Amino acid sequence: MTVKKIELLSPAKNLACGIEAINHGADAVYIGAPKFGARAAAGNSLEDITALIAYAHLYHVRVYITLNT
């Protein structure tokens, strides 16, 4: 029998929120890409997303990039 694990997925409106979500136990976070997110005004740069991915991978946390057109 395969046991399925629930994934705690947290929104990250910016780099700081993403880091805090990871620090508080999120299994994964999602963040909007610049010019393609529903919240384009959030100001997430590619550098911020890269930094979030690097931090997340230290803790084996997944990062999903949202694209809305």
C-alpha atoms as a PDB file:
ATOM      1  CA  MET A   1       0.000   0.000   0.000  1.00  0.00           C
ATOM      2  CA  THR A   2       1.340   3.422  -0.960  1.00  0.00           C
ATOM      3  CA  VAL A   3       1.037   6.155   1.626  1.00  0.00           C
ATOM      4  CA  LYS A   4       0.382   9.569   0.109  1.00  0.00           C
ATOM      5  CA  LYS A   5       1.925  12.586   1.790  1.00  0.00           C
ATOM      6  CA  ILE A   6       0.049  15.872   1.969  1.00  0.00           C
ATOM      7  CA  GLU A   7       2.022  18.843   0.646  1.00  0.00           C
ATOM      8  CA  LEU A   8       1.780  22.151   2.493  1.00  0.00           C
ATOM      9  CA  LEU A   9       1.868  24.733  -0.332  1.00  0.00           C
ATOM     10  CA  SER A  10       2.192  28.374   0.690  1.00  0.00           C
ATOM     11  CA  PRO A  11       1.934  31.552  -1.379  1.00  0.00           C
ATOM     12  CA  ALA A  12       4.972  33.818  -1.439  1.00  0.00           C
ATOM     13  CA  LYS A  13       4.067  37.323  -2.518  1.00  0.00           C
ATOM     14  CA  ASN A  14       7.747  38.227  -2.327  1.00  0.00           C
ATOM     15  CA  LEU A  15      11.147  36.842  -1.314  1.00  0.00           C
ATOM     16  CA  ALA A  16      10.734  37.660   2.385  1.00  0.00           C
ATOM     17  CA  CYS A  17       7.346  35.916   2.591  1.00  0.00           C
ATOM     18  CA  GLY A  18       8.727  32.895   0.770  1.00  0.00           C
ATOM     19  CA  ILE A  19      11.620  32.579   3.197  1.00  0.00           C
ATOM     20  CA  GLU A  20       9.264  32.874   6.167  1.00  0.00           C
ATOM     21  CA  ALA A  21       6.961  30.209   4.713  1.00  0.00           C
ATOM     22  CA  ILE A  22       9.946  27.871   4.403  1.00  0.00           C
ATOM     23  CA  ASN A  23      11.114  28.715   7.925  1.00  0.00           C
ATOM     24  CA  HIS A  24       7.651  27.831   9.225  1.00  0.00           C
ATOM     25  CA  GLY A  25       7.430  24.425   7.585  1.00  0.00           C
ATOM     26  CA  ALA A  26       6.037  24.808   4.068  1.00  0.00           C
ATOM     27  CA  ASP A  27       6.808  21.840   1.815  1.00  0.00           C
ATOM     28  CA  ALA A  28       6.519  24.100  -1.234  1.00  0.00           C
ATOM     29  CA  VAL A  29       5.928  27.753  -2.079  1.00  0.00           C
ATOM     30  CA  TYR A  30       4.614  29.491  -5.179  1.00  0.00           C
ATOM     31  CA  ILE A  31       5.563  32.927  -6.448  1.00  0.00           C
ATOM     32  CA  GLY A  32       4.507  35.024  -9.435  1.00  0.00           C
ATOM     33  CA  ALA A  33       6.929  35.690 -12.234  1.00  0.00           C
ATOM     34  CA  PRO A  34       7.529  39.296 -13.296  1.00  0.00           C
ATOM     35  CA  LYS A  35       5.119  40.479 -16.009  1.00  0.00           C
ATOM     36  CA  PHE A  36       3.289  37.122 -15.959  1.00  0.00           C
ATOM     37  CA  GLY A  37       1.823  36.972 -12.461  1.00  0.00           C
ATOM     38  CA  ALA A  38      -1.692  37.952 -11.473  1.00  0.00           C
ATOM     39  CA  ARG A  39      -0.035  40.300  -8.994  1.00  0.00           C
ATOM     40  CA  ALA A  40       2.493  41.856 -11.354  1.00  0.00           C
ATOM     41  CA  ALA A  41       2.753  44.865  -9.039  1.00  0.00           C
ATOM     42  CA  ALA A  42       4.267  42.645  -6.331  1.00  0.00           C
ATOM     43  CA  GLY A  43       7.660  43.422  -7.853  1.00  0.00           C
ATOM     44  CA  ASN A  44       9.182  39.940  -7.857  1.00  0.00           C
ATOM     45  CA  SER A  45      12.372  40.137  -9.869  1.00  0.00           C
ATOM     46  CA  LEU A  46      14.119  37.183 -11.447  1.00  0.00           C
ATOM     47  CA  GLU A  47      16.889  37.740  -8.902  1.00  0.00           C
ATOM     48  CA  ASP A  48      14.377  37.402  -6.033  1.00  0.00           C
ATOM     49  CA  ILE A  49      12.985  34.212  -7.531  1.00  0.00           C
ATOM     50  CA  THR A  50      16.502  32.826  -7.996  1.00  0.00           C
ATOM     51  CA  ALA A  51      17.336  33.636  -4.365  1.00  0.00           C
ATOM     52  CA  LEU A  52      14.120  31.983  -3.159  1.00  0.00           C
ATOM     53  CA  ILE A  53      14.880  28.839  -5.157  1.00  0.00           C
ATOM     54  CA  ALA A  54      18.422  28.669  -3.759  1.00  0.00           C
ATOM     55  CA  TYR A  55      17.144  29.085  -0.188  1.00  0.00           C
ATOM     56  CA  ALA A  56      14.333  26.573  -0.705  1.00  0.00           C
ATOM     57  CA  HIS A  57      16.668  23.932  -2.070  1.00  0.00           C
ATOM     58  CA  LEU A  58      18.776  24.130   1.095  1.00  0.00           C
ATOM     59  CA  TYR A  59      15.729  22.745   2.920  1.00  0.00           C
ATOM     60  CA  HIS A  60      14.452  20.421   0.143  1.00  0.00           C
ATOM     61  CA  VAL A  61      11.444  22.693  -0.459  1.00  0.00           C
ATOM     62  CA  ARG A  62       9.922  22.995  -3.924  1.00  0.00           C
ATOM     63  CA  VAL A  63       9.227  26.345  -5.604  1.00  0.00           C
ATOM     64  CA  TYR A  64       6.469  26.736  -8.176  1.00  0.00           C
ATOM     65  CA  ILE A  65       6.465  29.751 -10.504  1.00  0.00           C
ATOM     66  CA  THR A  66       2.989  30.965 -11.473  1.00  0.00           C
ATOM     67  CA  LEU A  67       2.284  32.307 -14.944  1.00  0.00           C
ATOM     68  CA  ASN A  68      -0.992  34.026 -15.753  1.00  0.00           C
ATOM     69  CA  THR A  69      -1.675  35.490 -19.152  1.00  0.00           C
END
